[in-house]
């Protein structure tokens, strides 16, 4: 079986009016979440949104860099 890990650059916009995911021209994903960035709640919301967007379980999505930043690097297994 081949390695199917994929790495994505993600820009998080917390406290947005609606939850949505868009892609920039350079391939960066923009995740708009209504959740505030306190106690890791926005990170959880980002993982949940990306997992739903890609149609994979939440355990297949993890933040590998940028836990406390708007700019994150996310791995999809």
C-alpha atoms as a PDB file:
ATOM      1  CA  UNK A   1       0.000   0.000   0.000  1.00  0.00           C
ATOM      2  CA  UNK A   2       1.352   3.417  -0.883  1.00  0.00           C
ATOM      3  CA  UNK A   3       1.706   6.377   1.464  1.00  0.00           C
ATOM      4  CA  UNK A   4      -1.301   8.661   0.941  1.00  0.00           C
ATOM      5  CA  UNK A   5      -0.421  11.521   3.293  1.00  0.00           C
ATOM      6  CA  UNK A   6      -1.127  14.984   1.934  1.00  0.00           C
ATOM      7  CA  UNK A   7       0.021  18.315   3.368  1.00  0.00           C
ATOM      8  CA  UNK A   8      -2.036  21.499   3.059  1.00  0.00           C
ATOM      9  CA  UNK A   9      -1.461  25.130   4.006  1.00  0.00           C
ATOM     10  CA  UNK A  10      -4.509  26.438   5.824  1.00  0.00           C
ATOM     11  CA  UNK A  11      -5.484  29.960   6.842  1.00  0.00           C
ATOM     12  CA  UNK A  12      -8.032  30.040   9.664  1.00  0.00           C
ATOM     13  CA  UNK A  13     -10.505  32.873  10.057  1.00  0.00           C
ATOM     14  CA  UNK A  14     -12.078  32.492  13.528  1.00  0.00           C
ATOM     15  CA  UNK A  15     -15.296  34.203  14.611  1.00  0.00           C
ATOM     16  CA  UNK A  16     -16.596  34.241  11.037  1.00  0.00           C
ATOM     17  CA  UNK A  17     -20.287  34.725  10.358  1.00  0.00           C
ATOM     18  CA  UNK A  18     -20.621  31.298   8.726  1.00  0.00           C
ATOM     19  CA  UNK A  19     -18.609  28.081   8.583  1.00  0.00           C
ATOM     20  CA  UNK A  20     -17.094  27.585   5.133  1.00  0.00           C
ATOM     21  CA  UNK A  21     -13.991  26.436   3.274  1.00  0.00           C
ATOM     22  CA  UNK A  22     -12.573  28.144   0.202  1.00  0.00           C
ATOM     23  CA  UNK A  23      -9.337  27.828  -1.744  1.00  0.00           C
ATOM     24  CA  UNK A  24      -7.013  30.660  -2.747  1.00  0.00           C
ATOM     25  CA  UNK A  25      -5.313  30.783  -6.146  1.00  0.00           C
ATOM     26  CA  UNK A  26      -2.057  29.549  -4.577  1.00  0.00           C
ATOM     27  CA  UNK A  27      -3.777  26.449  -3.151  1.00  0.00           C
ATOM     28  CA  UNK A  28      -4.078  27.663   0.435  1.00  0.00           C
ATOM     29  CA  UNK A  29      -7.336  26.589   2.032  1.00  0.00           C
ATOM     30  CA  UNK A  30      -9.247  29.233   3.974  1.00  0.00           C
ATOM     31  CA  UNK A  31     -11.335  27.793   6.776  1.00  0.00           C
ATOM     32  CA  UNK A  32     -13.926  30.199   8.164  1.00  0.00           C
ATOM     33  CA  UNK A  33     -15.241  29.065  11.528  1.00  0.00           C
ATOM     34  CA  UNK A  34     -17.740  30.694  13.858  1.00  0.00           C
ATOM     35  CA  UNK A  35     -15.798  29.343  16.844  1.00  0.00           C
ATOM     36  CA  UNK A  36     -13.613  31.675  18.920  1.00  0.00           C
ATOM     37  CA  UNK A  37      -9.904  30.770  19.209  1.00  0.00           C
ATOM     38  CA  UNK A  38      -9.951  29.946  22.904  1.00  0.00           C
ATOM     39  CA  UNK A  39      -8.815  26.731  24.587  1.00  0.00           C
ATOM     40  CA  UNK A  40      -8.168  25.039  21.223  1.00  0.00           C
ATOM     41  CA  UNK A  41     -11.832  25.154  20.234  1.00  0.00           C
ATOM     42  CA  UNK A  42     -11.101  26.766  16.858  1.00  0.00           C
ATOM     43  CA  UNK A  43      -8.506  24.064  16.083  1.00  0.00           C
ATOM     44  CA  UNK A  44     -11.095  21.386  16.851  1.00  0.00           C
ATOM     45  CA  UNK A  45     -13.587  23.158  14.598  1.00  0.00           C
ATOM     46  CA  UNK A  46     -11.014  23.332  11.792  1.00  0.00           C
ATOM     47  CA  UNK A  47     -10.257  19.612  12.049  1.00  0.00           C
ATOM     48  CA  UNK A  48     -13.963  18.785  12.082  1.00  0.00           C
ATOM     49  CA  UNK A  49     -14.677  21.037   9.071  1.00  0.00           C
ATOM     50  CA  UNK A  50     -11.771  19.698   7.006  1.00  0.00           C
ATOM     51  CA  UNK A  51     -12.660  16.085   7.800  1.00  0.00           C
ATOM     52  CA  UNK A  52     -16.217  16.692   6.633  1.00  0.00           C
ATOM     53  CA  UNK A  53     -14.990  18.595   3.550  1.00  0.00           C
ATOM     54  CA  UNK A  54     -12.676  15.732   2.534  1.00  0.00           C
ATOM     55  CA  UNK A  55     -15.077  12.981   3.584  1.00  0.00           C
ATOM     56  CA  UNK A  56     -12.654  11.323   6.008  1.00  0.00           C
ATOM     57  CA  UNK A  57     -12.808  10.588   9.762  1.00  0.00           C
ATOM     58  CA  UNK A  58     -11.517  13.318  12.086  1.00  0.00           C
ATOM     59  CA  UNK A  59      -8.682  11.003  13.122  1.00  0.00           C
ATOM     60  CA  UNK A  60      -7.288  11.302   9.574  1.00  0.00           C
ATOM     61  CA  UNK A  61      -6.770  15.074   9.889  1.00  0.00           C
ATOM     62  CA  UNK A  62      -4.177  16.652  12.148  1.00  0.00           C
ATOM     63  CA  UNK A  63      -2.508  20.033  12.566  1.00  0.00           C
ATOM     64  CA  UNK A  64       1.244  19.540  12.308  1.00  0.00           C
ATOM     65  CA  UNK A  65       2.298  23.178  12.601  1.00  0.00           C
ATOM     66  CA  UNK A  66       0.677  26.428  13.739  1.00  0.00           C
ATOM     67  CA  UNK A  67      -1.391  25.348  16.741  1.00  0.00           C
ATOM     68  CA  UNK A  68      -1.638  28.959  17.948  1.00  0.00           C
ATOM     69  CA  UNK A  69      -1.431  30.738  14.593  1.00  0.00           C
ATOM     70  CA  UNK A  70      -3.926  31.696  11.897  1.00  0.00           C
ATOM     71  CA  UNK A  71      -1.604  30.002   9.388  1.00  0.00           C
ATOM     72  CA  UNK A  72      -1.458  26.252   9.869  1.00  0.00           C
ATOM     73  CA  UNK A  73      -0.031  23.229   8.130  1.00  0.00           C
ATOM     74  CA  UNK A  74      -2.492  20.344   8.116  1.00  0.00           C
ATOM     75  CA  UNK A  75      -1.884  16.713   7.244  1.00  0.00           C
ATOM     76  CA  UNK A  76      -4.553  14.505   5.737  1.00  0.00           C
ATOM     77  CA  UNK A  77      -3.921  10.774   6.104  1.00  0.00           C
END
